[in-house]
Amino acid sequence: KYVIIVLVLLLIPAINMSGITQSRMRKRMAEIGVRKAFGATRSELLTQVLYENLLQTLLGGVLGLFFYLLLSDWLLDTGTASMGIGRTFVNAEMMFNPLIFLYAFLACLALNLLSAGIPAWRASRMRIISALNENVH
């Protein structure tokens, strides 16, 4: 039951990311057509798009972890210490589990590969003339 819920919750962002990637591919069709005209193979085009999306995911994960570690004590502070009641019982170490972070990060990477891979695969299969004319269906 929980697996189905998690898959549905992950499927919705994957569809959204796929739409965003498809939109970016439409804007880059002329570039893809020129690269194909100069001899770029389908695998080279696919690898480039997947590499760019992977780099964005890694950057987002590292920045998210950095900002969490930087701001977690401030965000988790309830302000009760200033009222003389005492510190909050939740701290950053209690809220961060490296294994859960790793699983979530790997799930994001998998979703990124799926949501970027399908539009990139479709764009790499277009004919050169269609890509140059931006006749995207």
Protein backbone atom coordinates (compact mmCIF):
# COMPACT_ATOMS: atom_id res chain seq x y z
CA LYS A 1 0.00 0.00 0.00
CA TYR A 2 2.79 2.42 0.92
CA VAL A 3 4.78 1.49 -2.18
CA ILE A 4 1.86 2.45 -4.42
CA ILE A 5 1.45 5.78 -2.60
CA VAL A 6 5.16 6.55 -2.90
CA LEU A 7 5.21 5.59 -6.59
CA VAL A 8 2.22 7.82 -7.34
CA LEU A 9 3.81 10.70 -5.41
CA LEU A 10 7.03 10.24 -7.37
CA LEU A 11 5.27 9.79 -10.71
CA ILE A 12 3.61 13.20 -10.62
CA PRO A 13 6.90 15.15 -10.31
CA ALA A 14 8.46 12.90 -12.94
CA ILE A 15 5.71 13.78 -15.43
CA ASN A 16 6.16 17.46 -14.60
CA MET A 17 9.94 17.26 -15.03
CA SER A 18 9.47 15.42 -18.32
CA GLY A 19 7.24 18.23 -19.59
CA ILE A 20 9.79 20.84 -18.57
CA THR A 21 12.58 18.90 -20.27
CA GLN A 22 10.47 18.48 -23.40
CA SER A 23 9.90 22.24 -23.46
CA ARG A 24 13.65 22.84 -23.18
CA MET A 25 14.24 20.33 -25.99
CA ARG A 26 11.87 22.26 -28.26
CA LYS A 27 13.88 25.43 -27.65
CA ARG A 28 17.11 23.59 -28.44
CA MET A 29 15.94 21.80 -31.60
CA ALA A 30 17.97 24.04 -33.91
CA GLU A 31 21.09 23.33 -31.85
CA ILE A 32 20.39 19.61 -31.96
CA GLY A 33 19.84 19.79 -35.73
CA VAL A 34 23.14 21.60 -36.28
CA ARG A 35 24.99 19.12 -34.09
CA LYS A 36 23.43 16.22 -36.02
CA ALA A 37 24.35 17.90 -39.31
CA PHE A 38 27.97 18.10 -38.17
CA GLY A 39 28.01 14.41 -37.28
CA ALA A 40 26.82 14.07 -33.69
CA THR A 41 25.38 10.64 -33.07
CA ARG A 42 22.17 9.90 -31.22
CA SER A 43 24.09 8.55 -28.26
CA GLU A 44 26.22 11.71 -28.06
CA LEU A 45 23.13 13.92 -28.02
CA LEU A 46 21.41 11.71 -25.49
CA THR A 47 24.51 11.63 -23.28
CA GLN A 48 24.84 15.41 -23.37
CA VAL A 49 21.25 16.02 -22.27
CA LEU A 50 21.41 13.36 -19.57
CA TYR A 51 24.74 14.73 -18.34
CA GLU A 52 23.33 18.27 -18.12
CA ASN A 53 20.29 17.08 -16.16
CA LEU A 54 22.42 14.88 -13.92
CA LEU A 55 24.67 17.83 -13.16
CA GLN A 56 21.63 19.96 -12.24
CA THR A 57 20.33 17.22 -9.95
CA LEU A 58 23.69 16.82 -8.23
CA LEU A 59 24.00 20.57 -7.81
CA GLY A 60 20.49 20.77 -6.37
CA GLY A 61 21.18 17.93 -3.94
CA VAL A 62 24.46 19.41 -2.75
CA LEU A 63 22.94 22.89 -2.37
CA GLY A 64 19.94 21.46 -0.55
CA LEU A 65 22.16 19.57 1.87
CA PHE A 66 24.39 22.61 2.34
CA PHE A 67 21.49 24.94 3.10
CA TYR A 68 19.91 22.38 5.42
CA LEU A 69 23.12 22.03 7.41
CA LEU A 70 23.64 25.79 7.41
CA LEU A 71 20.10 26.81 8.37
CA SER A 72 18.69 23.81 10.22
CA ASP A 73 19.37 25.04 13.76
CA TRP A 74 17.84 28.41 12.96
CA LEU A 75 14.79 26.86 11.28
CA LEU A 76 14.22 24.33 14.05
CA ASP A 77 14.55 26.88 16.86
CA THR A 78 11.11 27.48 18.37
CA GLY A 79 12.14 30.64 20.20
CA THR A 80 11.32 29.21 23.62
CA ALA A 81 14.85 29.85 24.90
CA SER A 82 14.30 33.60 24.72
CA MET A 83 11.19 33.20 26.88
CA GLY A 84 13.14 31.34 29.56
CA ILE A 85 11.39 28.03 28.98
CA GLY A 86 14.38 26.17 27.53
CA ARG A 87 15.69 25.00 24.20
CA THR A 88 13.66 23.08 21.72
CA PHE A 89 13.93 19.31 21.87
CA VAL A 90 14.39 18.95 18.10
CA ASN A 91 17.80 19.61 16.61
CA ALA A 92 19.46 19.13 13.23
CA GLU A 93 21.05 15.81 14.15
CA MET A 94 17.65 14.35 14.98
CA MET A 95 16.13 15.51 11.69
CA PHE A 96 18.91 14.33 9.34
CA ASN A 97 19.40 10.66 8.57
CA PRO A 98 22.18 10.10 6.00
CA LEU A 99 20.65 6.85 4.78
CA ILE A 100 17.26 8.47 4.15
CA PHE A 101 19.00 11.38 2.40
CA LEU A 102 20.89 8.90 0.20
CA TYR A 103 17.68 7.01 -0.70
CA ALA A 104 15.85 10.25 -1.51
CA PHE A 105 18.79 11.49 -3.56
CA LEU A 106 18.99 8.22 -5.51
CA ALA A 107 15.24 8.38 -6.15
CA CYS A 108 15.68 11.93 -7.48
CA LEU A 109 18.49 10.77 -9.74
CA ALA A 110 16.36 7.92 -11.09
CA LEU A 111 13.42 10.26 -11.69
CA ASN A 112 15.74 12.69 -13.41
CA LEU A 113 17.09 10.00 -15.72
CA LEU A 114 13.57 8.91 -16.64
CA SER A 115 12.10 12.37 -17.06
CA ALA A 116 15.06 13.67 -19.05
CA GLY A 117 15.79 10.47 -20.92
CA ILE A 118 12.49 10.17 -22.76
CA PRO A 119 12.44 13.72 -24.23
CA ALA A 120 16.15 13.50 -25.01
CA TRP A 121 15.65 10.17 -26.76
CA ARG A 122 12.79 11.64 -28.82
CA ALA A 123 14.86 14.71 -29.72
CA SER A 124 17.86 12.61 -30.73
CA ARG A 125 15.71 10.56 -33.11
CA MET A 126 14.42 13.57 -35.06
CA ARG A 127 15.52 14.06 -38.62
CA ILE A 128 18.04 16.83 -39.18
CA ILE A 129 15.74 18.87 -41.41
CA SER A 130 12.89 18.65 -38.92
CA ALA A 131 15.13 19.72 -36.08
CA LEU A 132 16.50 22.65 -38.06
CA ASN A 133 13.01 23.78 -39.07
CA GLU A 134 11.77 23.18 -35.52
CA ASN A 135 8.88 21.04 -36.78
CA VAL A 136 8.22 19.37 -33.44
CA HIS A 137 5.15 17.18 -33.12
